[in-house]
PDB file of N, CA and C in Angstrom:
ATOM      1  N   MET A   1      93.069 103.561 104.606  1.00  0.00           N
ATOM      2  CA  MET A   1      93.130 103.244 105.936  1.00  0.00           C
ATOM      3  C   MET A   1      91.495 103.158 105.678  1.00  0.00           C
ATOM      4  N   ARG A   2      91.006 101.860 106.583  1.00  0.00           N
ATOM      5  CA  ARG A   2      89.623 101.438 106.324  1.00  0.00           C
ATOM      6  C   ARG A   2      88.593 102.703 107.385  1.00  0.00           C
ATOM      7  N   ASP A   3      87.441 103.151 106.846  1.00  0.00           N
ATOM      8  CA  ASP A   3      86.920 103.721 107.764  1.00  0.00           C
ATOM      9  C   ASP A   3      86.527 103.689 109.157  1.00  0.00           C
ATOM     10  N   THR A   4      86.271 102.463 109.233  1.00  0.00           N
ATOM     11  CA  THR A   4      86.265 101.571 110.503  1.00  0.00           C
ATOM     12  C   THR A   4      87.803 101.986 111.586  1.00  0.00           C
ATOM     13  N   ASP A   5      88.244 102.197 110.886  1.00  0.00           N
ATOM     14  CA  ASP A   5      89.833 102.264 111.875  1.00  0.00           C
ATOM     15  C   ASP A   5      90.165 104.335 112.062  1.00  0.00           C
ATOM     16  N   LYS A   6      89.337 104.881 111.427  1.00  0.00           N
ATOM     17  CA  LYS A   6      89.692 106.404 111.396  1.00  0.00           C
ATOM     18  C   LYS A   6      89.474 107.174 112.677  1.00  0.00           C
ATOM     19  N   ASP A   7      88.728 107.049 113.829  1.00  0.00           N
ATOM     20  CA  ASP A   7      88.676 107.294 114.812  1.00  0.00           C
ATOM     21  C   ASP A   7      89.794 106.798 115.431  1.00  0.00           C
ATOM     22  N   ALA A   8      90.096 105.537 115.401  1.00  0.00           N
ATOM     23  CA  ALA A   8      91.467 104.977 116.494  1.00  0.00           C
ATOM     24  C   ALA A   8      92.448 105.699 115.816  1.00  0.00           C
ATOM     25  N   ILE A   9      92.777 106.138 114.402  1.00  0.00           N
ATOM     26  CA  ILE A   9      93.412 106.582 114.146  1.00  0.00           C
ATOM     27  C   ILE A   9      94.423 107.888 115.128  1.00  0.00           C
ATOM     28  N   VAL A  10      93.032 108.810 115.584  1.00  0.00           N
ATOM     29  CA  VAL A  10      93.354 110.008 115.809  1.00  0.00           C
ATOM     30  C   VAL A  10      94.730 110.173 116.829  1.00  0.00           C
ATOM     31  N   PRO A  11      94.282 109.622 117.875  1.00  0.00           N
ATOM     32  CA  PRO A  11      95.094 109.307 119.116  1.00  0.00           C
ATOM     33  C   PRO A  11      96.564 109.283 118.656  1.00  0.00           C
ATOM     34  N   VAL A  12      96.736 107.911 117.805  1.00  0.00           N
ATOM     35  CA  VAL A  12      97.741 107.389 117.248  1.00  0.00           C
ATOM     36  C   VAL A  12      98.724 108.555 116.152  1.00  0.00           C
ATOM     37  N   ALA A  13      98.126 109.435 115.762  1.00  0.00           N
ATOM     38  CA  ALA A  13      98.540 110.409 114.629  1.00  0.00           C
ATOM     39  C   ALA A  13      99.305 111.423 115.713  1.00  0.00           C
ATOM     40  N   ARG A  14      98.142 111.602 116.510  1.00  0.00           N
ATOM     41  CA  ARG A  14      98.837 113.150 117.701  1.00  0.00           C
ATOM     42  C   ARG A  14     100.083 112.720 118.546  1.00  0.00           C
ATOM     43  N   GLU A  15      99.927 111.157 118.684  1.00  0.00           N
ATOM     44  CA  GLU A  15     101.580 110.853 119.852  1.00  0.00           C
ATOM     45  C   GLU A  15     102.744 110.641 118.433  1.00  0.00           C
ATOM     46  N   LEU A  16     102.355 110.783 117.173  1.00  0.00           N
ATOM     47  CA  LEU A  16     103.336 110.436 116.464  1.00  0.00           C
ATOM     48  C   LEU A  16     103.900 111.836 116.246  1.00  0.00           C
ATOM     49  N   LEU A  17     102.981 112.862 116.211  1.00  0.00           N
ATOM     50  CA  LEU A  17     103.701 114.170 115.937  1.00  0.00           C
ATOM     51  C   LEU A  17     104.173 114.493 117.574  1.00  0.00           C
ATOM     52  N   SER A  18     103.874 114.167 118.258  1.00  0.00           N
ATOM     53  CA  SER A  18     104.510 114.535 119.332  1.00  0.00           C
ATOM     54  C   SER A  18     105.699 114.045 119.521  1.00  0.00           C
ATOM     55  N   LEU A  19     106.165 112.967 119.069  1.00  0.00           N
ATOM     56  CA  LEU A  19     107.322 112.301 118.935  1.00  0.00           C
ATOM     57  C   LEU A  19     108.232 112.508 117.753  1.00  0.00           C
ATOM     58  N   GLY A  20     107.894 113.876 116.944  1.00  0.00           N
ATOM     59  CA  GLY A  20     108.526 114.469 115.845  1.00  0.00           C
ATOM     60  C   GLY A  20     108.448 114.121 114.839  1.00  0.00           C
ATOM     61  N   PHE A  21     107.370 113.051 114.204  1.00  0.00           N
ATOM     62  CA  PHE A  21     107.404 112.528 112.799  1.00  0.00           C
ATOM     63  C   PHE A  21     106.229 113.412 112.069  1.00  0.00           C
ATOM     64  N   ASP A  22     106.642 113.603 110.950  1.00  0.00           N
ATOM     65  CA  ASP A  22     105.502 114.370 109.745  1.00  0.00           C
ATOM     66  C   ASP A  22     104.609 113.268 109.242  1.00  0.00           C
ATOM     67  N   LEU A  23     103.191 113.562 109.298  1.00  0.00           N
ATOM     68  CA  LEU A  23     102.208 112.399 108.827  1.00  0.00           C
ATOM     69  C   LEU A  23     101.901 112.581 107.339  1.00  0.00           C
ATOM     70  N   ILE A  24     101.654 111.580 106.539  1.00  0.00           N
ATOM     71  CA  ILE A  24     101.365 111.837 105.172  1.00  0.00           C
ATOM     72  C   ILE A  24     100.700 110.773 105.196  1.00  0.00           C
ATOM     73  N   ALA A  25      99.550 111.115 104.571  1.00  0.00           N
ATOM     74  CA  ALA A  25      97.900 110.254 104.103  1.00  0.00           C
ATOM     75  C   ALA A  25      97.289 110.381 102.841  1.00  0.00           C
ATOM     76  N   THR A  26      96.816 109.270 102.731  1.00  0.00           N
ATOM     77  CA  THR A  26      95.860 109.561 101.304  1.00  0.00           C
ATOM     78  C   THR A  26      94.668 110.261 101.575  1.00  0.00           C
ATOM     79  N   ARG A  27      94.277 110.844 100.401  1.00  0.00           N
ATOM     80  CA  ARG A  27      92.834 112.145 100.572  1.00  0.00           C
ATOM     81  C   ARG A  27      92.299 111.520 101.363  1.00  0.00           C
ATOM     82  N   GLY A  28      91.763 110.428 101.820  1.00  0.00           N
ATOM     83  CA  GLY A  28      89.997 110.215 102.414  1.00  0.00           C
ATOM     84  C   GLY A  28      91.090 110.235 104.255  1.00  0.00           C
ATOM     85  N   THR A  29      91.852 109.519 104.506  1.00  0.00           N
ATOM     86  CA  THR A  29      92.504 109.614 105.943  1.00  0.00           C
ATOM     87  C   THR A  29      93.059 111.313 106.246  1.00  0.00           C
ATOM     88  N   ALA A  30      93.372 111.719 105.421  1.00  0.00           N
ATOM     89  CA  ALA A  30      94.297 112.801 105.530  1.00  0.00           C
ATOM     90  C   ALA A  30      93.033 114.014 105.842  1.00  0.00           C
ATOM     91  N   GLY A  31      91.862 113.880 105.056  1.00  0.00           N
ATOM     92  CA  GLY A  31      90.961 114.751 105.161  1.00  0.00           C
ATOM     93  C   GLY A  31      90.415 114.662 106.604  1.00  0.00           C
ATOM     94  N   PHE A  32      90.329 113.434 106.973  1.00  0.00           N
ATOM     95  CA  PHE A  32      89.412 113.050 108.434  1.00  0.00           C
ATOM     96  C   PHE A  32      90.736 113.483 109.378  1.00  0.00           C
ATOM     97  N   LEU A  33      91.722 113.160 109.356  1.00  0.00           N
ATOM     98  CA  LEU A  33      92.955 113.736 110.139  1.00  0.00           C
ATOM     99  C   LEU A  33      92.890 115.615 110.690  1.00  0.00           C
ATOM    100  N   ALA A  34      92.395 115.868 109.127  1.00  0.00           N
ATOM    101  CA  ALA A  34      92.385 117.517 109.292  1.00  0.00           C
ATOM    102  C   ALA A  34      91.384 118.168 109.794  1.00  0.00           C
ATOM    103  N   GLU A  35      90.243 117.186 109.698  1.00  0.00           N
ATOM    104  CA  GLU A  35      89.113 117.517 110.571  1.00  0.00           C
ATOM    105  C   GLU A  35      89.058 117.389 112.049  1.00  0.00           C
ATOM    106  N   HIS A  36      90.025 116.854 112.307  1.00  0.00           N
ATOM    107  CA  HIS A  36      90.581 116.939 113.740  1.00  0.00           C
ATOM    108  C   HIS A  36      91.219 117.437 113.996  1.00  0.00           C
ATOM    109  N   GLY A  37      92.194 118.363 113.532  1.00  0.00           N
ATOM    110  CA  GLY A  37      93.503 119.546 113.744  1.00  0.00           C
ATOM    111  C   GLY A  37      94.441 119.228 113.808  1.00  0.00           C
ATOM    112  N   ILE A  38      94.666 117.646 112.854  1.00  0.00           N
ATOM    113  CA  ILE A  38      95.890 117.143 113.189  1.00  0.00           C
ATOM    114  C   ILE A  38      96.520 117.739 111.426  1.00  0.00           C
ATOM    115  N   GLU A  39      97.515 117.962 110.961  1.00  0.00           N
ATOM    116  CA  GLU A  39      98.216 118.394 110.184  1.00  0.00           C
ATOM    117  C   GLU A  39      99.085 117.107 109.612  1.00  0.00           C
ATOM    118  N   VAL A  40      98.581 116.660 108.288  1.00  0.00           N
ATOM    119  CA  VAL A  40      99.197 115.869 107.476  1.00  0.00           C
ATOM    120  C   VAL A  40      99.512 116.147 105.855  1.00  0.00           C
ATOM    121  N   ARG A  41     100.265 115.615 105.546  1.00  0.00           N
ATOM    122  CA  ARG A  41     100.762 115.956 103.666  1.00  0.00           C
ATOM    123  C   ARG A  41      99.699 115.138 103.200  1.00  0.00           C
ATOM    124  N   ILE A  42      99.177 115.361 102.073  1.00  0.00           N
ATOM    125  CA  ILE A  42      98.613 114.070 101.343  1.00  0.00           C
ATOM    126  C   ILE A  42      99.472 113.884 100.293  1.00  0.00           C
ATOM    127  N   VAL A  43      99.368 112.493 100.189  1.00  0.00           N
ATOM    128  CA  VAL A  43      99.715 111.575  98.961  1.00  0.00           C
ATOM    129  C   VAL A  43      98.841 111.138  98.288  1.00  0.00           C
ATOM    130  N   ASN A  44      99.334 110.712  96.901  1.00  0.00           N
ATOM    131  CA  ASN A  44      98.453 109.932  96.089  1.00  0.00           C
ATOM    132  C   ASN A  44      98.280 108.385  96.100  1.00  0.00           C
ATOM    133  N   LYS A  45      97.323 107.564  96.152  1.00  0.00           N
ATOM    134  CA  LYS A  45      97.146 106.199  96.167  1.00  0.00           C
ATOM    135  C   LYS A  45      97.870 105.904  94.741  1.00  0.00           C
ATOM    136  N   VAL A  46      98.024 104.626  94.676  1.00  0.00           N
ATOM    137  CA  VAL A  46      98.662 104.499  93.015  1.00  0.00           C
ATOM    138  C   VAL A  46      98.062 104.403  92.320  1.00  0.00           C
ATOM    139  N   ALA A  47      97.221 104.103  92.300  1.00  0.00           N
ATOM    140  CA  ALA A  47      96.198 104.538  91.077  1.00  0.00           C
ATOM    141  C   ALA A  47      95.703 105.957  90.711  1.00  0.00           C
ATOM    142  N   GLU A  48      96.192 106.675  91.397  1.00  0.00           N
ATOM    143  CA  GLU A  48      95.660 108.005  91.520  1.00  0.00           C
ATOM    144  C   GLU A  48      96.973 108.596  90.274  1.00  0.00           C
ATOM    145  N   GLY A  49      98.050 107.792  90.399  1.00  0.00           N
ATOM    146  CA  GLY A  49      99.116 108.364  89.187  1.00  0.00           C
ATOM    147  C   GLY A  49     100.120 108.883  90.585  1.00  0.00           C
ATOM    148  N   ARG A  50     101.306 109.601  89.827  1.00  0.00           N
ATOM    149  CA  ARG A  50     102.564 110.170  90.329  1.00  0.00           C
ATOM    150  C   ARG A  50     102.318 111.316  90.959  1.00  0.00           C
ATOM    151  N   PRO A  51     103.101 111.724  91.985  1.00  0.00           N
ATOM    152  CA  PRO A  51     103.861 111.230  92.579  1.00  0.00           C
ATOM    153  C   PRO A  51     102.829 109.993  93.837  1.00  0.00           C
ATOM    154  N   HIS A  52     103.360 108.794  94.224  1.00  0.00           N
ATOM    155  CA  HIS A  52     101.972 108.140  94.935  1.00  0.00           C
ATOM    156  C   HIS A  52     103.057 107.770  95.984  1.00  0.00           C
ATOM    157  N   ILE A  53     102.443 106.858  96.872  1.00  0.00           N
ATOM    158  CA  ILE A  53     102.944 106.122  97.975  1.00  0.00           C
ATOM    159  C   ILE A  53     104.278 105.496  97.847  1.00  0.00           C
ATOM    160  N   VAL A  54     103.940 104.576  96.791  1.00  0.00           N
ATOM    161  CA  VAL A  54     105.175 103.893  96.614  1.00  0.00           C
ATOM    162  C   VAL A  54     106.460 104.532  96.081  1.00  0.00           C
ATOM    163  N   ASP A  55     106.286 105.635  95.600  1.00  0.00           N
ATOM    164  CA  ASP A  55     107.885 106.566  95.156  1.00  0.00           C
ATOM    165  C   ASP A  55     107.913 107.366  96.246  1.00  0.00           C
ATOM    166  N   LEU A  56     107.019 107.685  97.356  1.00  0.00           N
ATOM    167  CA  LEU A  56     108.076 108.036  98.559  1.00  0.00           C
ATOM    168  C   LEU A  56     108.551 106.887  99.538  1.00  0.00           C
ATOM    169  N   LEU A  57     108.109 105.675  99.469  1.00  0.00           N
ATOM    170  CA  LEU A  57     108.607 104.526 100.021  1.00  0.00           C
ATOM    171  C   LEU A  57     109.964 104.260  99.595  1.00  0.00           C
ATOM    172  N   LYS A  58     110.035 104.353  97.852  1.00  0.00           N
ATOM    173  CA  LYS A  58     111.154 103.747  97.437  1.00  0.00           C
ATOM    174  C   LYS A  58     112.313 105.381  97.428  1.00  0.00           C
ATOM    175  N   ASP A  59     111.847 106.505  97.667  1.00  0.00           N
ATOM    176  CA  ASP A  59     112.658 107.408  97.846  1.00  0.00           C
ATOM    177  C   ASP A  59     112.944 107.586  99.365  1.00  0.00           C
ATOM    178  N   GLY A  60     112.515 106.992 100.163  1.00  0.00           N
ATOM    179  CA  GLY A  60     113.134 106.702 101.677  1.00  0.00           C
ATOM    180  C   GLY A  60     112.325 108.269 102.496  1.00  0.00           C
ATOM    181  N   GLU A  61     110.983 108.228 101.723  1.00  0.00           N
ATOM    182  CA  GLU A  61     110.437 109.510 102.613  1.00  0.00           C
ATOM    183  C   GLU A  61     109.507 108.577 103.761  1.00  0.00           C
ATOM    184  N   ILE A  62     109.514 107.438 103.773  1.00  0.00           N
ATOM    185  CA  ILE A  62     108.567 106.711 104.731  1.00  0.00           C
ATOM    186  C   ILE A  62     109.251 106.364 105.786  1.00  0.00           C
ATOM    187  N   ASP A  63     109.121 106.389 107.064  1.00  0.00           N
ATOM    188  CA  ASP A  63     109.859 105.655 107.750  1.00  0.00           C
ATOM    189  C   ASP A  63     108.815 104.862 108.835  1.00  0.00           C
ATOM    190  N   LEU A  64     107.453 105.121 108.506  1.00  0.00           N
ATOM    191  CA  LEU A  64     106.781 104.001 109.219  1.00  0.00           C
ATOM    192  C   LEU A  64     105.215 104.052 108.712  1.00  0.00           C
ATOM    193  N   MET A  65     104.554 103.087 108.504  1.00  0.00           N
ATOM    194  CA  MET A  65     103.274 102.588 107.792  1.00  0.00           C
ATOM    195  C   MET A  65     102.377 101.977 108.323  1.00  0.00           C
ATOM    196  N   PHE A  66     101.144 102.490 108.169  1.00  0.00           N
ATOM    197  CA  PHE A  66      99.931 101.971 108.638  1.00  0.00           C
ATOM    198  C   PHE A  66      99.253 101.535 107.819  1.00  0.00           C
ATOM    199  N   ASN A  67      98.478 100.784 107.357  1.00  0.00           N
ATOM    200  CA  ASN A  67      97.965 100.850 105.772  1.00  0.00           C
ATOM    201  C   ASN A  67      96.837  99.381 106.285  1.00  0.00           C
ATOM    202  N   THR A  68      95.577  99.821 107.155  1.00  0.00           N
ATOM    203  CA  THR A  68      94.339  98.762 107.078  1.00  0.00           C
ATOM    204  C   THR A  68      93.636  98.627 105.875  1.00  0.00           C
ATOM    205  N   THR A  69      93.056  97.690 105.265  1.00  0.00           N
ATOM    206  CA  THR A  69      92.121  97.142 104.250  1.00  0.00           C
ATOM    207  C   THR A  69      91.043  96.805 104.909  1.00  0.00           C
ATOM    208  N   SER A  70      90.283  96.991 104.295  1.00  0.00           N
ATOM    209  CA  SER A  70      88.415  96.190 104.351  1.00  0.00           C
ATOM    210  C   SER A  70      88.260  95.567 102.822  1.00  0.00           C
ATOM    211  N   SER A  71      88.499  95.531 102.250  1.00  0.00           N
ATOM    212  CA  SER A  71      88.091  94.543 101.338  1.00  0.00           C
ATOM    213  C   SER A  71      88.954  93.841 100.321  1.00  0.00           C
ATOM    214  N   GLY A  72      88.564  92.808  99.478  1.00  0.00           N
ATOM    215  CA  GLY A  72      89.574  92.369  98.902  1.00  0.00           C
ATOM    216  C   GLY A  72      90.241  93.096  97.673  1.00  0.00           C
ATOM    217  N   GLN A  73      89.563  93.986  97.281  1.00  0.00           N
ATOM    218  CA  GLN A  73      90.107  95.052  96.230  1.00  0.00           C
ATOM    219  C   GLN A  73      91.328  95.639  97.265  1.00  0.00           C
ATOM    220  N   SER A  74      90.719  96.363  97.948  1.00  0.00           N
ATOM    221  CA  SER A  74      91.684  97.237  98.686  1.00  0.00           C
ATOM    222  C   SER A  74      93.032  96.673  99.194  1.00  0.00           C
ATOM    223  N   ILE A  75      93.119  94.998  99.445  1.00  0.00           N
ATOM    224  CA  ILE A  75      94.115  94.108  99.822  1.00  0.00           C
ATOM    225  C   ILE A  75      95.015  94.024  98.394  1.00  0.00           C
ATOM    226  N   ALA A  76      94.362  93.995  97.311  1.00  0.00           N
ATOM    227  CA  ALA A  76      94.836  93.598  96.129  1.00  0.00           C
ATOM    228  C   ALA A  76      95.784  95.027  95.867  1.00  0.00           C
ATOM    229  N   ASP A  77      94.890  96.168  96.080  1.00  0.00           N
ATOM    230  CA  ASP A  77      95.201  97.079  95.474  1.00  0.00           C
ATOM    231  C   ASP A  77      96.741  97.459  96.030  1.00  0.00           C
ATOM    232  N   SER A  78      97.040  96.948  97.652  1.00  0.00           N
ATOM    233  CA  SER A  78      97.837  97.286  98.370  1.00  0.00           C
ATOM    234  C   SER A  78      99.187  96.484  98.090  1.00  0.00           C
ATOM    235  N   TYR A  79      98.825  95.689  97.077  1.00  0.00           N
ATOM    236  CA  TYR A  79     100.308  94.582  97.108  1.00  0.00           C
ATOM    237  C   TYR A  79     101.579  95.381  96.797  1.00  0.00           C
ATOM    238  N   GLU A  80     101.708  96.560  95.849  1.00  0.00           N
ATOM    239  CA  GLU A  80     102.681  97.240  95.687  1.00  0.00           C
ATOM    240  C   GLU A  80     103.446  97.645  96.915  1.00  0.00           C
ATOM    241  N   ILE A  81     102.577  98.334  97.438  1.00  0.00           N
ATOM    242  CA  ILE A  81     102.823  99.165  99.020  1.00  0.00           C
ATOM    243  C   ILE A  81     103.595  98.334  99.697  1.00  0.00           C
ATOM    244  N   ARG A  82     102.862  97.233 100.300  1.00  0.00           N
ATOM    245  CA  ARG A  82     103.415  95.675 101.149  1.00  0.00           C
ATOM    246  C   ARG A  82     104.595  95.571 100.525  1.00  0.00           C
ATOM    247  N   ARG A  83     105.036  95.411  99.171  1.00  0.00           N
ATOM    248  CA  ARG A  83     106.383  94.690  98.834  1.00  0.00           C
ATOM    249  C   ARG A  83     107.138  95.919  98.769  1.00  0.00           C
ATOM    250  N   SER A  84     107.057  97.126  98.399  1.00  0.00           N
ATOM    251  CA  SER A  84     107.884  98.196  98.241  1.00  0.00           C
ATOM    252  C   SER A  84     108.408  98.436  99.779  1.00  0.00           C
ATOM    253  N   ALA A  85     107.621  98.086 100.955  1.00  0.00           N
ATOM    254  CA  ALA A  85     107.946  98.574 102.090  1.00  0.00           C
ATOM    255  C   ALA A  85     108.606  97.377 102.782  1.00  0.00           C
ATOM    256  N   LEU A  86     108.586  96.019 102.316  1.00  0.00           N
ATOM    257  CA  LEU A  86     109.366  94.860 102.559  1.00  0.00           C
ATOM    258  C   LEU A  86     110.808  95.408 102.007  1.00  0.00           C
ATOM    259  N   ILE A  87     110.743  95.558 100.470  1.00  0.00           N
ATOM    260  CA  ILE A  87     112.207  96.130 100.089  1.00  0.00           C
ATOM    261  C   ILE A  87     112.790  96.979 100.904  1.00  0.00           C
ATOM    262  N   MET A  88     112.240  98.331 101.232  1.00  0.00           N
ATOM    263  CA  MET A  88     112.524  98.936 101.772  1.00  0.00           C
ATOM    264  C   MET A  88     112.801  99.077 103.108  1.00  0.00           C
ATOM    265  N   GLY A  89     112.880  97.668 103.961  1.00  0.00           N
ATOM    266  CA  GLY A  89     113.075  97.727 105.093  1.00  0.00           C
ATOM    267  C   GLY A  89     112.033  98.679 106.234  1.00  0.00           C
ATOM    268  N   THR A  90     110.707  99.140 105.436  1.00  0.00           N
ATOM    269  CA  THR A  90     110.095 100.253 106.388  1.00  0.00           C
ATOM    270  C   THR A  90     108.921  99.399 107.120  1.00  0.00           C
ATOM    271  N   PRO A  91     108.968  99.433 108.504  1.00  0.00           N
ATOM    272  CA  PRO A  91     107.845  98.847 108.987  1.00  0.00           C
ATOM    273  C   PRO A  91     106.237  99.200 108.839  1.00  0.00           C
ATOM    274  N   TYR A  92     105.713  98.154 108.363  1.00  0.00           N
ATOM    275  CA  TYR A  92     104.143  98.155 107.981  1.00  0.00           C
ATOM    276  C   TYR A  92     103.744  97.476 109.054  1.00  0.00           C
ATOM    277  N   TYR A  93     102.267  98.274 109.245  1.00  0.00           N
ATOM    278  CA  TYR A  93     101.218  97.342 110.021  1.00  0.00           C
ATOM    279  C   TYR A  93      99.636  97.681 109.545  1.00  0.00           C
ATOM    280  N   THR A  94      99.420  96.608 109.682  1.00  0.00           N
ATOM    281  CA  THR A  94      97.738  96.270 108.985  1.00  0.00           C
ATOM    282  C   THR A  94      96.623  96.372 109.918  1.00  0.00           C
ATOM    283  N   THR A  95      97.229  96.511 111.105  1.00  0.00           N
ATOM    284  CA  THR A  95      96.029  96.563 112.378  1.00  0.00           C
ATOM    285  C   THR A  95      96.099  98.008 113.312  1.00  0.00           C
ATOM    286  N   MET A  96      95.094  98.149 113.845  1.00  0.00           N
ATOM    287  CA  MET A  96      94.955  99.194 114.669  1.00  0.00           C
ATOM    288  C   MET A  96      95.836  98.750 116.068  1.00  0.00           C
ATOM    289  N   ALA A  97      96.050  97.507 116.424  1.00  0.00           N
ATOM    290  CA  ALA A  97      96.664  97.317 117.678  1.00  0.00           C
ATOM    291  C   ALA A  97      98.210  97.552 117.072  1.00  0.00           C
ATOM    292  N   GLY A  98      98.462  96.837 115.855  1.00  0.00           N
ATOM    293  CA  GLY A  98     100.068  96.810 115.666  1.00  0.00           C
ATOM    294  C   GLY A  98     100.293  98.685 115.668  1.00  0.00           C
ATOM    295  N   ALA A  99      99.239  98.987 115.126  1.00  0.00           N
ATOM    296  CA  ALA A  99     100.167 100.737 114.928  1.00  0.00           C
ATOM    297  C   ALA A  99     100.037 101.302 116.576  1.00  0.00           C
ATOM    298  N   ARG A 100      99.315 100.817 117.300  1.00  0.00           N
ATOM    299  CA  ARG A 100      98.976 101.527 118.699  1.00  0.00           C
ATOM    300  C   ARG A 100     100.565 100.886 119.372  1.00  0.00           C
ATOM    301  N   ALA A 101     100.437  99.596 119.431  1.00  0.00           N
ATOM    302  CA  ALA A 101     101.854  98.964 119.963  1.00  0.00           C
ATOM    303  C   ALA A 101     103.048  99.699 119.381  1.00  0.00           C
ATOM    304  N   ALA A 102     103.279 100.175 117.872  1.00  0.00           N
ATOM    305  CA  ALA A 102     104.577 100.288 117.362  1.00  0.00           C
ATOM    306  C   ALA A 102     104.834 102.276 118.011  1.00  0.00           C
ATOM    307  N   VAL A 103     103.593 102.454 118.157  1.00  0.00           N
ATOM    308  CA  VAL A 103     103.542 104.153 118.403  1.00  0.00           C
ATOM    309  C   VAL A 103     104.031 103.814 120.042  1.00  0.00           C
ATOM    310  N   LYS A 104     103.582 103.163 120.871  1.00  0.00           N
ATOM    311  CA  LYS A 104     104.316 103.004 122.545  1.00  0.00           C
ATOM    312  C   LYS A 104     105.386 102.830 122.573  1.00  0.00           C
ATOM    313  N   ALA A 105     105.914 101.651 121.901  1.00  0.00           N
ATOM    314  CA  ALA A 105     107.365 101.347 121.490  1.00  0.00           C
ATOM    315  C   ALA A 105     107.980 102.662 121.468  1.00  0.00           C
ATOM    316  N   LEU A 106     107.838 103.165 120.421  1.00  0.00           N
ATOM    317  CA  LEU A 106     108.472 104.449 119.561  1.00  0.00           C
ATOM    318  C   LEU A 106     108.294 105.650 121.223  1.00  0.00           C
ATOM    319  N   GLY A 107     107.220 105.535 121.415  1.00  0.00           N
ATOM    320  CA  GLY A 107     107.389 106.792 122.769  1.00  0.00           C
ATOM    321  C   GLY A 107     108.401 106.081 123.859  1.00  0.00           C
ATOM    322  N   THR A 108     108.159 104.825 124.152  1.00  0.00           N
ATOM    323  CA  THR A 108     108.987 104.590 124.814  1.00  0.00           C
ATOM    324  C   THR A 108     110.310 104.302 124.817  1.00  0.00           C
ATOM    325  N   GLY A 109     111.031 104.177 123.892  1.00  0.00           N
ATOM    326  CA  GLY A 109     112.406 104.423 123.498  1.00  0.00           C
ATOM    327  C   GLY A 109     112.629 105.516 123.427  1.00  0.00           C
ATOM    328  N   LYS A 110     111.941 106.789 122.891  1.00  0.00           N
ATOM    329  CA  LYS A 110     112.108 108.031 122.971  1.00  0.00           C
ATOM    330  C   LYS A 110     112.301 108.704 124.398  1.00  0.00           C
ATOM    331  N   ARG A 111     111.501 108.058 124.985  1.00  0.00           N
ATOM    332  CA  ARG A 111     111.483 109.155 126.663  1.00  0.00           C
ATOM    333  C   ARG A 111     112.863 108.052 127.523  1.00  0.00           C
ATOM    334  N   GLY A 112     113.472 107.025 126.973  1.00  0.00           N
ATOM    335  CA  GLY A 112     114.213 106.426 127.385  1.00  0.00           C
ATOM    336  C   GLY A 112     114.492 105.542 128.697  1.00  0.00           C
ATOM    337  N   THR A 113     112.968 105.096 128.595  1.00  0.00           N
ATOM    338  CA  THR A 113     112.396 104.412 129.531  1.00  0.00           C
ATOM    339  C   THR A 113     112.489 102.991 129.409  1.00  0.00           C
ATOM    340  N   LEU A 114     113.117 102.626 128.788  1.00  0.00           N
ATOM    341  CA  LEU A 114     112.929 101.039 128.099  1.00  0.00           C
ATOM    342  C   LEU A 114     114.347 100.493 129.238  1.00  0.00           C
ATOM    343  N   GLU A 115     113.828  99.105 129.783  1.00  0.00           N
ATOM    344  CA  GLU A 115     114.876  98.641 130.672  1.00  0.00           C
ATOM    345  C   GLU A 115     115.022  97.464 129.883  1.00  0.00           C
ATOM    346  N   VAL A 116     116.180  96.825 130.214  1.00  0.00           N
ATOM    347  CA  VAL A 116     116.928  95.642 129.606  1.00  0.00           C
ATOM    348  C   VAL A 116     117.193  94.861 130.734  1.00  0.00           C
ATOM    349  N   ALA A 117     116.730  93.385 130.812  1.00  0.00           N
ATOM    350  CA  ALA A 117     117.404  92.608 131.383  1.00  0.00           C
ATOM    351  C   ALA A 117     117.512  91.530 131.037  1.00  0.00           C
ATOM    352  N   PRO A 118     118.670  90.235 131.740  1.00  0.00           N
ATOM    353  CA  PRO A 118     118.882  89.170 131.010  1.00  0.00           C
ATOM    354  C   PRO A 118     117.332  88.540 130.923  1.00  0.00           C
ATOM    355  N   LEU A 119     117.624  87.574 130.175  1.00  0.00           N
ATOM    356  CA  LEU A 119     116.264  86.707 129.965  1.00  0.00           C
ATOM    357  C   LEU A 119     115.760  85.562 131.207  1.00  0.00           C
ATOM    358  N   GLN A 120     116.937  85.491 132.015  1.00  0.00           N
ATOM    359  CA  GLN A 120     117.058  84.393 133.177  1.00  0.00           C
ATOM    360  C   GLN A 120     116.348  85.170 134.011  1.00  0.00           C
ATOM    361  N   SER A 121     116.364  86.542 134.350  1.00  0.00           N
ATOM    362  CA  SER A 121     115.186  87.140 135.214  1.00  0.00           C
ATOM    363  C   SER A 121     113.939  87.179 135.327  1.00  0.00           C
ATOM    364  N   TYR A 122     113.640  86.607 133.630  1.00  0.00           N
ATOM    365  CA  TYR A 122     112.501  86.476 133.314  1.00  0.00           C
ATOM    366  C   TYR A 122     111.805  84.978 133.991  1.00  0.00           C
ATOM    367  N   ALA A 123     112.698  83.927 133.966  1.00  0.00           N
ATOM    368  CA  ALA A 123     112.333  82.493 134.096  1.00  0.00           C
ATOM    369  C   ALA A 123     111.519  82.424 135.468  1.00  0.00           C
ATOM    370  N   MET A 124     110.898  81.399 135.350  1.00  0.00           N
ATOM    371  CA  MET A 124     110.016  81.125 136.623  1.00  0.00           C
ATOM    372  C   MET A 124     110.858  80.067 137.729  1.00  0.00           C
ATOM    373  N   ARG A 125     111.053  80.822 139.063  1.00  0.00           N
ATOM    374  CA  ARG A 125     111.972  79.727 139.735  1.00  0.00           C
ATOM    375  C   ARG A 125     111.180  79.187 140.801  1.00  0.00           C
ATOM    376  N   SER A 126     111.854  77.898 140.851  1.00  0.00           N
ATOM    377  CA  SER A 126     110.805  76.807 141.509  1.00  0.00           C
ATOM    378  C   SER A 126     111.876  77.296 142.943  1.00  0.00           C
ATOM    379  N   GLY A 127     110.615  76.892 143.966  1.00  0.00           N
ATOM    380  CA  GLY A 127     111.389  76.780 145.034  1.00  0.00           C
ATOM    381  C   GLY A 127     111.332  77.343 146.517  1.00  0.00           C
TER     382      GLY A 127
END
């Protein structure tokens, strides 16, 4: 997670915990979250050796992933992560806006406040 997104991930992480998720993060993000009182398991980056994040994806231990990047190098380094998430069908968000929207949707679904209506009810009516 890029450093500029770390403050924004704190409320998202807290909401995920309240929804029953366990959190896993690489060292930098995990340390930041721990400083804010958020319990998180540390996982290696791919370059740091096994077991790493791709191993956890392939083992089905990751249900949802947020990975924001800040440089061309970090984007290139995350290629294997993005590929594995796609293959495993793991939702993968690369922006904080996407992360917030995903967690809001999860919370709405879990609370059962999601309403379904026919498409026609949204159509503008003349007259």
